[in-house]
Amino acid sequence: MLPGNDVPMTTPHVGDRARIALVLVSHSARLAQGAAELAAQMAPGVLLLPAGGTDDGSLGTSYDVVSAAVAEGLLGTEGVVVLADLGSAVMTIESVIELDDSLDGRVVLADAPFVEGAVAAAVTAHGGGTLAEVLASAEAAGGTFAQSGSPDDRFVPPTGPADQLAAAAGLEDDSPGAPRAVTLRNPLGLHARPAAILARLVAGYDAKVTINGVNAASVLEMMKLGATGGRELVIAAEGRQADEARDAAVAAIEGGFGEV
């Protein structure tokens, strides 16, 4: 347990630790712990270190608490991505990084939303992402729910029978990673847990997989679809392992992620 935190840290599975750790800095110890617990559900095996509150347990941030978390995050990993909840937390993190030259290039601060960024970064770290890749995932989470472009420019998920859905995706049936339609069996739909399972699954292949047009490696993009139970999804892929990745995603959806 880190100084100033009255709740235990999230511990990844021993022997299955990702190469990049995350430090979550909040003014509240409980908020930091809650964000770590949520991200851990999406990405077991990632070292998630909550660094919330001050040394005496009050609301605020502490140089010592953050420094201790960063030091622990560097043990046995290649680097640390740090996320902050508010502006003054950013100042604390910057002080920790700037006052220790040994952290240069190994510890980076993400300009990202606290919860969404933590989840996105954790899933990328679980998939073996580098420091730059994990940082990019966290920062990309900031635009996940932004509505951009005119309504005509936005992707509208197709609906209809499976064969029509596959045809609507616009790829030939025999092309690598060609679209396949599958029914989402989970009563609760494509919520956080199955979305995280899919993201971790496709990260293991040398391929880019899409589900109804969005990046299947992004938990937040898939959740944004709002796919409910019984809805048809179109899975497509491109890349060296396109067929394998697509088929694995289809099988996972057909299997109901252990929820049915």
C-alpha atoms as a PDB file:
ATOM      1  CA  MET A   1       0.000   0.000   0.000  1.00  0.00           C
ATOM      2  CA  LEU A   2       1.385   3.379  -0.995  1.00  0.00           C
ATOM      3  CA  PRO A   3       1.736   6.245   1.486  1.00  0.00           C
ATOM      4  CA  GLY A   4      -1.511   8.166   1.865  1.00  0.00           C
ATOM      5  CA  ASN A   5      -3.677   5.342   0.487  1.00  0.00           C
ATOM      6  CA  ASP A   6      -5.912   3.472   2.910  1.00  0.00           C
ATOM      7  CA  VAL A   7      -6.920   0.876   0.331  1.00  0.00           C
ATOM      8  CA  PRO A   8      -4.747  -1.914  -1.134  1.00  0.00           C
ATOM      9  CA  MET A   9      -3.152  -1.614  -4.552  1.00  0.00           C
ATOM     10  CA  THR A  10      -4.335  -3.526  -7.591  1.00  0.00           C
ATOM     11  CA  THR A  11      -1.946  -6.414  -8.150  1.00  0.00           C
ATOM     12  CA  PRO A  12      -1.509  -8.005 -11.591  1.00  0.00           C
ATOM     13  CA  HIS A  13      -1.102 -11.722 -12.103  1.00  0.00           C
ATOM     14  CA  VAL A  14       2.431 -12.754 -11.176  1.00  0.00           C
ATOM     15  CA  GLY A  15       4.459 -13.912 -14.174  1.00  0.00           C
ATOM     16  CA  ASP A  16       2.098 -12.290 -16.664  1.00  0.00           C
ATOM     17  CA  ARG A  17       3.029  -8.650 -16.226  1.00  0.00           C
ATOM     18  CA  ALA A  18       2.810  -6.222 -19.126  1.00  0.00           C
ATOM     19  CA  ARG A  19       5.907  -4.330 -20.219  1.00  0.00           C
ATOM     20  CA  ILE A  20       4.352  -0.939 -19.349  1.00  0.00           C
ATOM     21  CA  ALA A  21       2.855   0.059 -15.967  1.00  0.00           C
ATOM     22  CA  LEU A  22       0.273   2.731 -15.235  1.00  0.00           C
ATOM     23  CA  VAL A  23       0.220   5.202 -12.355  1.00  0.00           C
ATOM     24  CA  LEU A  24      -3.153   6.857 -11.667  1.00  0.00           C
ATOM     25  CA  VAL A  25      -2.851  10.140  -9.782  1.00  0.00           C
ATOM     26  CA  SER A  26      -5.972  11.569  -8.183  1.00  0.00           C
ATOM     27  CA  HIS A  27      -6.792  14.000  -5.409  1.00  0.00           C
ATOM     28  CA  SER A  28      -8.796  11.166  -3.847  1.00  0.00           C
ATOM     29  CA  ALA A  29      -7.223   7.883  -2.790  1.00  0.00           C
ATOM     30  CA  ARG A  30     -10.535   6.109  -3.334  1.00  0.00           C
ATOM     31  CA  LEU A  31     -10.988   7.583  -6.795  1.00  0.00           C
ATOM     32  CA  ALA A  32      -7.501   6.456  -7.818  1.00  0.00           C
ATOM     33  CA  GLN A  33      -8.147   2.976  -6.441  1.00  0.00           C
ATOM     34  CA  GLY A  34     -11.526   2.747  -8.143  1.00  0.00           C
ATOM     35  CA  ALA A  35     -10.061   3.698 -11.516  1.00  0.00           C
ATOM     36  CA  ALA A  36      -7.299   1.126 -11.037  1.00  0.00           C
ATOM     37  CA  GLU A  37      -9.812  -1.582 -10.150  1.00  0.00           C
ATOM     38  CA  LEU A  38     -11.925  -0.780 -13.190  1.00  0.00           C
ATOM     39  CA  ALA A  39      -8.948  -0.847 -15.553  1.00  0.00           C
ATOM     40  CA  ALA A  40      -7.707  -4.081 -13.955  1.00  0.00           C
ATOM     41  CA  GLN A  41     -10.984  -5.771 -14.859  1.00  0.00           C
ATOM     42  CA  MET A  42     -10.280  -4.924 -18.497  1.00  0.00           C
ATOM     43  CA  ALA A  43      -6.576  -5.771 -18.463  1.00  0.00           C
ATOM     44  CA  PRO A  44      -5.385  -8.363 -15.943  1.00  0.00           C
ATOM     45  CA  GLY A  45      -1.621  -8.576 -15.869  1.00  0.00           C
ATOM     46  CA  VAL A  46      -0.996  -4.829 -16.101  1.00  0.00           C
ATOM     47  CA  LEU A  47       0.624  -3.168 -13.101  1.00  0.00           C
ATOM     48  CA  LEU A  48      -1.839  -0.440 -12.057  1.00  0.00           C
ATOM     49  CA  LEU A  49      -0.715   1.793  -9.225  1.00  0.00           C
ATOM     50  CA  PRO A  50      -3.188   4.212  -7.639  1.00  0.00           C
ATOM     51  CA  ALA A  51      -1.477   7.285  -6.217  1.00  0.00           C
ATOM     52  CA  GLY A  52      -4.256   9.277  -4.632  1.00  0.00           C
ATOM     53  CA  GLY A  53      -4.463  11.662  -1.722  1.00  0.00           C
ATOM     54  CA  THR A  54      -1.725  13.150   0.434  1.00  0.00           C
ATOM     55  CA  ASP A  55       0.665  11.546   2.898  1.00  0.00           C
ATOM     56  CA  ASP A  56      -1.783  12.095   5.774  1.00  0.00           C
ATOM     57  CA  GLY A  57      -4.766  10.736   3.858  1.00  0.00           C
ATOM     58  CA  SER A  58      -6.296  14.104   3.004  1.00  0.00           C
ATOM     59  CA  LEU A  59      -7.645  15.120  -0.370  1.00  0.00           C
ATOM     60  CA  GLY A  60      -4.924  16.435  -2.641  1.00  0.00           C
ATOM     61  CA  THR A  61      -1.784  15.139  -4.294  1.00  0.00           C
ATOM     62  CA  SER A  62       1.631  14.412  -2.856  1.00  0.00           C
ATOM     63  CA  TYR A  63       5.066  14.445  -4.455  1.00  0.00           C
ATOM     64  CA  ASP A  64       6.131  11.536  -2.225  1.00  0.00           C
ATOM     65  CA  VAL A  65       3.052   9.420  -3.007  1.00  0.00           C
ATOM     66  CA  VAL A  66       3.432   9.921  -6.756  1.00  0.00           C
ATOM     67  CA  SER A  67       7.206   9.408  -6.669  1.00  0.00           C
ATOM     68  CA  ALA A  68       6.808   6.130  -4.766  1.00  0.00           C
ATOM     69  CA  ALA A  69       4.229   4.852  -7.254  1.00  0.00           C
ATOM     70  CA  VAL A  70       6.416   5.769 -10.233  1.00  0.00           C
ATOM     71  CA  ALA A  71       9.431   4.038  -8.673  1.00  0.00           C
ATOM     72  CA  GLU A  72       7.391   0.897  -8.073  1.00  0.00           C
ATOM     73  CA  GLY A  73       5.989   1.019 -11.590  1.00  0.00           C
ATOM     74  CA  LEU A  74       9.489   0.948 -13.063  1.00  0.00           C
ATOM     75  CA  LEU A  75      10.410  -2.261 -11.257  1.00  0.00           C
ATOM     76  CA  GLY A  76      10.456  -5.011 -13.860  1.00  0.00           C
ATOM     77  CA  THR A  77       8.856  -2.914 -16.600  1.00  0.00           C
ATOM     78  CA  GLU A  78      10.076  -0.859 -19.541  1.00  0.00           C
ATOM     79  CA  GLY A  79       8.286   2.316 -18.586  1.00  0.00           C
ATOM     80  CA  VAL A  80       5.365   4.040 -16.900  1.00  0.00           C
ATOM     81  CA  VAL A  81       2.437   6.040 -18.258  1.00  0.00           C
ATOM     82  CA  VAL A  82       0.945   8.419 -15.689  1.00  0.00           C
ATOM     83  CA  LEU A  83      -2.609   9.806 -15.767  1.00  0.00           C
ATOM     84  CA  ALA A  84      -3.993  12.647 -13.660  1.00  0.00           C
ATOM     85  CA  ASP A  85      -7.499  13.694 -12.660  1.00  0.00           C
ATOM     86  CA  LEU A  86      -7.068  17.484 -12.303  1.00  0.00           C
ATOM     87  CA  GLY A  87      -4.632  20.249 -13.176  1.00  0.00           C
ATOM     88  CA  SER A  88      -2.823  20.405  -9.844  1.00  0.00           C
ATOM     89  CA  ALA A  89      -2.184  16.678 -10.068  1.00  0.00           C
ATOM     90  CA  VAL A  90      -0.480  17.355 -13.391  1.00  0.00           C
ATOM     91  CA  MET A  91       1.832  19.837 -11.661  1.00  0.00           C
ATOM     92  CA  THR A  92       2.792  17.224  -9.070  1.00  0.00           C
ATOM     93  CA  ILE A  93       3.540  14.629 -11.738  1.00  0.00           C
ATOM     94  CA  GLU A  94       5.601  17.075 -13.781  1.00  0.00           C
ATOM     95  CA  SER A  95       7.667  17.895 -10.703  1.00  0.00           C
ATOM     96  CA  VAL A  96       8.388  14.201 -10.100  1.00  0.00           C
ATOM     97  CA  ILE A  97       9.492  13.682 -13.710  1.00  0.00           C
ATOM     98  CA  GLU A  98      11.492  16.897 -14.070  1.00  0.00           C
ATOM     99  CA  LEU A  99      13.423  16.549 -10.805  1.00  0.00           C
ATOM    100  CA  ASP A 100      14.730  13.059 -11.583  1.00  0.00           C
ATOM    101  CA  ASP A 101      16.816  12.796 -14.745  1.00  0.00           C
ATOM    102  CA  SER A 102      16.729   8.990 -14.562  1.00  0.00           C
ATOM    103  CA  LEU A 103      13.031   9.069 -15.469  1.00  0.00           C
ATOM    104  CA  ASP A 104      13.592  10.795 -18.797  1.00  0.00           C
ATOM    105  CA  GLY A 105      12.222   8.618 -21.593  1.00  0.00           C
ATOM    106  CA  ARG A 106      10.889   6.048 -19.141  1.00  0.00           C
ATOM    107  CA  VAL A 107       8.000   7.929 -17.522  1.00  0.00           C
ATOM    108  CA  VAL A 108       5.475   9.950 -19.517  1.00  0.00           C
ATOM    109  CA  LEU A 109       2.414  11.971 -18.566  1.00  0.00           C
ATOM    110  CA  ALA A 110      -0.693  11.380 -20.686  1.00  0.00           C
ATOM    111  CA  ASP A 111      -2.918  14.258 -21.736  1.00  0.00           C
ATOM    112  CA  ALA A 112      -5.994  12.084 -21.371  1.00  0.00           C
ATOM    113  CA  PRO A 113      -9.292  11.702 -19.516  1.00  0.00           C
ATOM    114  CA  PHE A 114      -8.656   9.949 -16.226  1.00  0.00           C
ATOM    115  CA  VAL A 115     -10.982   6.950 -16.383  1.00  0.00           C
ATOM    116  CA  GLU A 116     -11.337   6.432 -20.137  1.00  0.00           C
ATOM    117  CA  GLY A 117      -7.620   6.971 -20.634  1.00  0.00           C
ATOM    118  CA  ALA A 118      -6.738   4.474 -17.913  1.00  0.00           C
ATOM    119  CA  VAL A 119      -8.960   1.797 -19.437  1.00  0.00           C
ATOM    120  CA  ALA A 120      -7.704   2.360 -22.989  1.00  0.00           C
ATOM    121  CA  ALA A 121      -4.055   2.458 -21.901  1.00  0.00           C
ATOM    122  CA  ALA A 122      -4.400  -0.655 -19.745  1.00  0.00           C
ATOM    123  CA  VAL A 123      -5.866  -2.715 -22.585  1.00  0.00           C
ATOM    124  CA  THR A 124      -3.065  -1.617 -24.922  1.00  0.00           C
ATOM    125  CA  ALA A 125      -0.467  -2.417 -22.270  1.00  0.00           C
ATOM    126  CA  HIS A 126      -2.039  -5.835 -21.764  1.00  0.00           C
ATOM    127  CA  GLY A 127      -1.614  -6.474 -25.485  1.00  0.00           C
ATOM    128  CA  GLY A 128       2.125  -5.852 -25.223  1.00  0.00           C
ATOM    129  CA  GLY A 129       2.111  -2.221 -26.314  1.00  0.00           C
ATOM    130  CA  THR A 130       5.219  -0.076 -26.081  1.00  0.00           C
ATOM    131  CA  LEU A 131       5.445   3.074 -23.988  1.00  0.00           C
ATOM    132  CA  ALA A 132       4.571   5.199 -27.039  1.00  0.00           C
ATOM    133  CA  GLU A 133       1.650   2.953 -27.983  1.00  0.00           C
ATOM    134  CA  VAL A 134       0.172   2.909 -24.481  1.00  0.00           C
ATOM    135  CA  LEU A 135       0.528   6.687 -24.260  1.00  0.00           C
ATOM    136  CA  ALA A 136      -1.163   7.112 -27.640  1.00  0.00           C
ATOM    137  CA  SER A 137      -4.085   4.904 -26.594  1.00  0.00           C
ATOM    138  CA  ALA A 138      -4.645   6.931 -23.445  1.00  0.00           C
ATOM    139  CA  GLU A 139      -4.584  10.218 -25.320  1.00  0.00           C
ATOM    140  CA  ALA A 140      -6.816   8.956 -28.134  1.00  0.00           C
ATOM    141  CA  ALA A 141      -9.472   8.153 -25.525  1.00  0.00           C
ATOM    142  CA  GLY A 142     -10.107  11.869 -25.186  1.00  0.00           C
ATOM    143  CA  GLY A 143     -11.831  11.966 -28.555  1.00  0.00           C
ATOM    144  CA  THR A 144     -13.705   8.700 -28.308  1.00  0.00           C
ATOM    145  CA  PHE A 145     -17.062  10.198 -27.445  1.00  0.00           C
ATOM    146  CA  ALA A 146     -16.686  13.417 -29.422  1.00  0.00           C
ATOM    147  CA  GLN A 147     -19.172  13.885 -32.226  1.00  0.00           C
ATOM    148  CA  SER A 148     -17.373  15.225 -35.269  1.00  0.00           C
ATOM    149  CA  GLY A 149     -18.437  15.845 -38.836  1.00  0.00           C
ATOM    150  CA  SER A 150     -21.936  16.088 -40.205  1.00  0.00           C
ATOM    151  CA  PRO A 151     -24.463  13.315 -39.588  1.00  0.00           C
ATOM    152  CA  ASP A 152     -23.976  12.163 -43.166  1.00  0.00           C
ATOM    153  CA  ASP A 153     -20.264  11.621 -42.496  1.00  0.00           C
ATOM    154  CA  ARG A 154     -20.720   9.413 -39.460  1.00  0.00           C
ATOM    155  CA  PHE A 155     -20.705   5.639 -39.616  1.00  0.00           C
ATOM    156  CA  VAL A 156     -24.167   4.097 -39.380  1.00  0.00           C
ATOM    157  CA  PRO A 157     -23.987   0.400 -38.397  1.00  0.00           C
ATOM    158  CA  PRO A 158     -25.825  -1.724 -40.944  1.00  0.00           C
ATOM    159  CA  THR A 159     -28.868  -3.744 -39.952  1.00  0.00           C
ATOM    160  CA  GLY A 160     -30.553  -6.686 -41.578  1.00  0.00           C
ATOM    161  CA  PRO A 161     -30.005 -10.407 -42.207  1.00  0.00           C
ATOM    162  CA  ALA A 162     -26.470 -11.744 -41.864  1.00  0.00           C
ATOM    163  CA  ASP A 163     -25.892 -12.231 -45.602  1.00  0.00           C
ATOM    164  CA  GLN A 164     -27.058  -8.685 -46.339  1.00  0.00           C
ATOM    165  CA  LEU A 165     -24.825  -7.302 -43.604  1.00  0.00           C
ATOM    166  CA  ALA A 166     -21.770  -9.025 -44.998  1.00  0.00           C
ATOM    167  CA  ALA A 167     -22.548  -7.780 -48.503  1.00  0.00           C
ATOM    168  CA  ALA A 168     -23.023  -4.229 -47.187  1.00  0.00           C
ATOM    169  CA  ALA A 169     -19.463  -4.229 -45.878  1.00  0.00           C
ATOM    170  CA  GLY A 170     -18.274  -4.133 -49.492  1.00  0.00           C
ATOM    171  CA  LEU A 171     -15.661  -6.943 -49.554  1.00  0.00           C
ATOM    172  CA  GLU A 172     -15.601 -10.109 -51.634  1.00  0.00           C
ATOM    173  CA  ASP A 173     -16.363 -13.300 -49.725  1.00  0.00           C
ATOM    174  CA  ASP A 174     -13.019 -14.903 -50.643  1.00  0.00           C
ATOM    175  CA  SER A 175     -10.784 -11.932 -49.876  1.00  0.00           C
ATOM    176  CA  PRO A 176      -8.516 -12.140 -46.799  1.00  0.00           C
ATOM    177  CA  GLY A 177     -10.359 -11.000 -43.705  1.00  0.00           C
ATOM    178  CA  ALA A 178     -13.621 -10.602 -45.661  1.00  0.00           C
ATOM    179  CA  PRO A 179     -16.590  -9.585 -43.511  1.00  0.00           C
ATOM    180  CA  ARG A 180     -18.519 -12.116 -41.507  1.00  0.00           C
ATOM    181  CA  ALA A 181     -21.787 -11.396 -39.734  1.00  0.00           C
ATOM    182  CA  VAL A 182     -22.463 -12.766 -36.271  1.00  0.00           C
ATOM    183  CA  THR A 183     -25.235 -12.303 -33.729  1.00  0.00           C
ATOM    184  CA  LEU A 184     -24.302 -10.802 -30.377  1.00  0.00           C
ATOM    185  CA  ARG A 185     -25.659 -13.278 -27.827  1.00  0.00           C
ATOM    186  CA  ASN A 186     -24.904 -11.452 -24.584  1.00  0.00           C
ATOM    187  CA  PRO A 187     -28.125 -10.160 -22.976  1.00  0.00           C
ATOM    188  CA  LEU A 188     -26.284  -7.018 -21.800  1.00  0.00           C
ATOM    189  CA  GLY A 189     -24.733  -6.444 -25.198  1.00  0.00           C
ATOM    190  CA  LEU A 190     -21.182  -5.357 -25.980  1.00  0.00           C
ATOM    191  CA  HIS A 191     -20.494  -3.789 -22.598  1.00  0.00           C
ATOM    192  CA  ALA A 192     -17.109  -3.191 -20.963  1.00  0.00           C
ATOM    193  CA  ARG A 193     -16.110  -6.772 -20.157  1.00  0.00           C
ATOM    194  CA  PRO A 194     -16.713  -8.387 -23.582  1.00  0.00           C
ATOM    195  CA  ALA A 195     -15.342  -5.296 -25.320  1.00  0.00           C
ATOM    196  CA  ALA A 196     -12.118  -5.657 -23.323  1.00  0.00           C
ATOM    197  CA  ILE A 197     -11.920  -9.376 -24.100  1.00  0.00           C
ATOM    198  CA  LEU A 198     -12.235  -8.651 -27.810  1.00  0.00           C
ATOM    199  CA  ALA A 199      -9.661  -5.860 -27.682  1.00  0.00           C
ATOM    200  CA  ARG A 200      -7.130  -8.089 -25.929  1.00  0.00           C
ATOM    201  CA  LEU A 201      -7.888 -10.946 -28.324  1.00  0.00           C
ATOM    202  CA  VAL A 202      -7.335  -9.040 -31.567  1.00  0.00           C
ATOM    203  CA  ALA A 203      -4.189  -7.400 -30.184  1.00  0.00           C
ATOM    204  CA  GLY A 204      -2.528 -10.818 -30.378  1.00  0.00           C
ATOM    205  CA  TYR A 205      -2.756 -10.944 -34.166  1.00  0.00           C
ATOM    206  CA  ASP A 206      -0.859  -9.172 -36.914  1.00  0.00           C
ATOM    207  CA  ALA A 207      -4.050  -7.676 -38.288  1.00  0.00           C
ATOM    208  CA  LYS A 208      -6.408  -4.742 -37.958  1.00  0.00           C
ATOM    209  CA  VAL A 209      -9.899  -5.901 -37.033  1.00  0.00           C
ATOM    210  CA  THR A 210     -13.070  -3.852 -37.253  1.00  0.00           C
ATOM    211  CA  ILE A 211     -16.500  -4.457 -35.765  1.00  0.00           C
ATOM    212  CA  ASN A 212     -19.272  -2.574 -37.538  1.00  0.00           C
ATOM    213  CA  GLY A 213     -16.629  -0.253 -38.880  1.00  0.00           C
ATOM    214  CA  VAL A 214     -14.861   0.657 -35.622  1.00  0.00           C
ATOM    215  CA  ASN A 215     -11.455  -0.438 -34.379  1.00  0.00           C
ATOM    216  CA  ALA A 216     -11.854  -3.686 -32.419  1.00  0.00           C
ATOM    217  CA  ALA A 217      -8.620  -2.953 -30.529  1.00  0.00           C
ATOM    218  CA  SER A 218     -10.329  -0.006 -28.823  1.00  0.00           C
ATOM    219  CA  VAL A 219     -12.568  -0.864 -25.875  1.00  0.00           C
ATOM    220  CA  LEU A 220     -14.121   2.582 -25.917  1.00  0.00           C
ATOM    221  CA  GLU A 221     -14.857   2.580 -29.651  1.00  0.00           C
ATOM    222  CA  MET A 222     -16.652  -0.750 -29.365  1.00  0.00           C
ATOM    223  CA  MET A 223     -18.668   0.346 -26.348  1.00  0.00           C
ATOM    224  CA  LYS A 224     -19.620   3.464 -28.282  1.00  0.00           C
ATOM    225  CA  LEU A 225     -21.476   1.235 -30.765  1.00  0.00           C
ATOM    226  CA  GLY A 226     -24.118   0.603 -28.124  1.00  0.00           C
ATOM    227  CA  ALA A 227     -24.582  -2.922 -29.469  1.00  0.00           C
ATOM    228  CA  THR A 228     -27.331  -4.719 -27.556  1.00  0.00           C
ATOM    229  CA  GLY A 229     -28.061  -8.422 -27.252  1.00  0.00           C
ATOM    230  CA  GLY A 230     -29.440  -9.935 -30.442  1.00  0.00           C
ATOM    231  CA  ARG A 231     -27.830  -7.359 -32.708  1.00  0.00           C
ATOM    232  CA  GLU A 232     -25.915  -8.445 -35.781  1.00  0.00           C
ATOM    233  CA  LEU A 233     -22.266  -7.431 -35.945  1.00  0.00           C
ATOM    234  CA  VAL A 234     -20.014  -7.429 -38.986  1.00  0.00           C
ATOM    235  CA  ILE A 235     -16.423  -8.495 -38.342  1.00  0.00           C
ATOM    236  CA  ALA A 236     -13.734  -7.737 -40.924  1.00  0.00           C
ATOM    237  CA  ALA A 237      -9.953  -7.658 -40.861  1.00  0.00           C
ATOM    238  CA  GLU A 238      -6.899  -6.791 -42.906  1.00  0.00           C
ATOM    239  CA  GLY A 239      -3.261  -7.711 -42.499  1.00  0.00           C
ATOM    240  CA  ARG A 240      -1.044 -10.789 -42.489  1.00  0.00           C
ATOM    241  CA  GLN A 241      -3.286 -12.711 -40.077  1.00  0.00           C
ATOM    242  CA  ALA A 242      -6.577 -11.233 -41.234  1.00  0.00           C
ATOM    243  CA  ASP A 243      -8.499 -14.491 -41.490  1.00  0.00           C
ATOM    244  CA  GLU A 244      -7.230 -15.812 -38.174  1.00  0.00           C
ATOM    245  CA  ALA A 245      -8.013 -12.596 -36.327  1.00  0.00           C
ATOM    246  CA  ARG A 246     -11.478 -12.263 -37.848  1.00  0.00           C
ATOM    247  CA  ASP A 247     -12.358 -15.882 -37.111  1.00  0.00           C
ATOM    248  CA  ALA A 248     -11.132 -15.587 -33.525  1.00  0.00           C
ATOM    249  CA  ALA A 249     -13.313 -12.520 -32.982  1.00  0.00           C
ATOM    250  CA  VAL A 250     -16.325 -14.251 -34.523  1.00  0.00           C
ATOM    251  CA  ALA A 251     -15.779 -17.313 -32.327  1.00  0.00           C
ATOM    252  CA  ALA A 252     -15.527 -15.164 -29.201  1.00  0.00           C
ATOM    253  CA  ILE A 253     -18.790 -13.395 -29.991  1.00  0.00           C
ATOM    254  CA  GLU A 254     -20.545 -16.645 -30.855  1.00  0.00           C
ATOM    255  CA  GLY A 255     -19.309 -18.079 -27.559  1.00  0.00           C
ATOM    256  CA  GLY A 256     -20.987 -15.313 -25.612  1.00  0.00           C
ATOM    257  CA  PHE A 257     -17.828 -14.484 -23.610  1.00  0.00           C
ATOM    258  CA  GLY A 258     -18.909 -16.955 -20.928  1.00  0.00           C
ATOM    259  CA  GLU A 259     -22.017 -14.894 -20.115  1.00  0.00           C
ATOM    260  CA  VAL A 260     -24.585 -17.104 -21.885  1.00  0.00           C
END
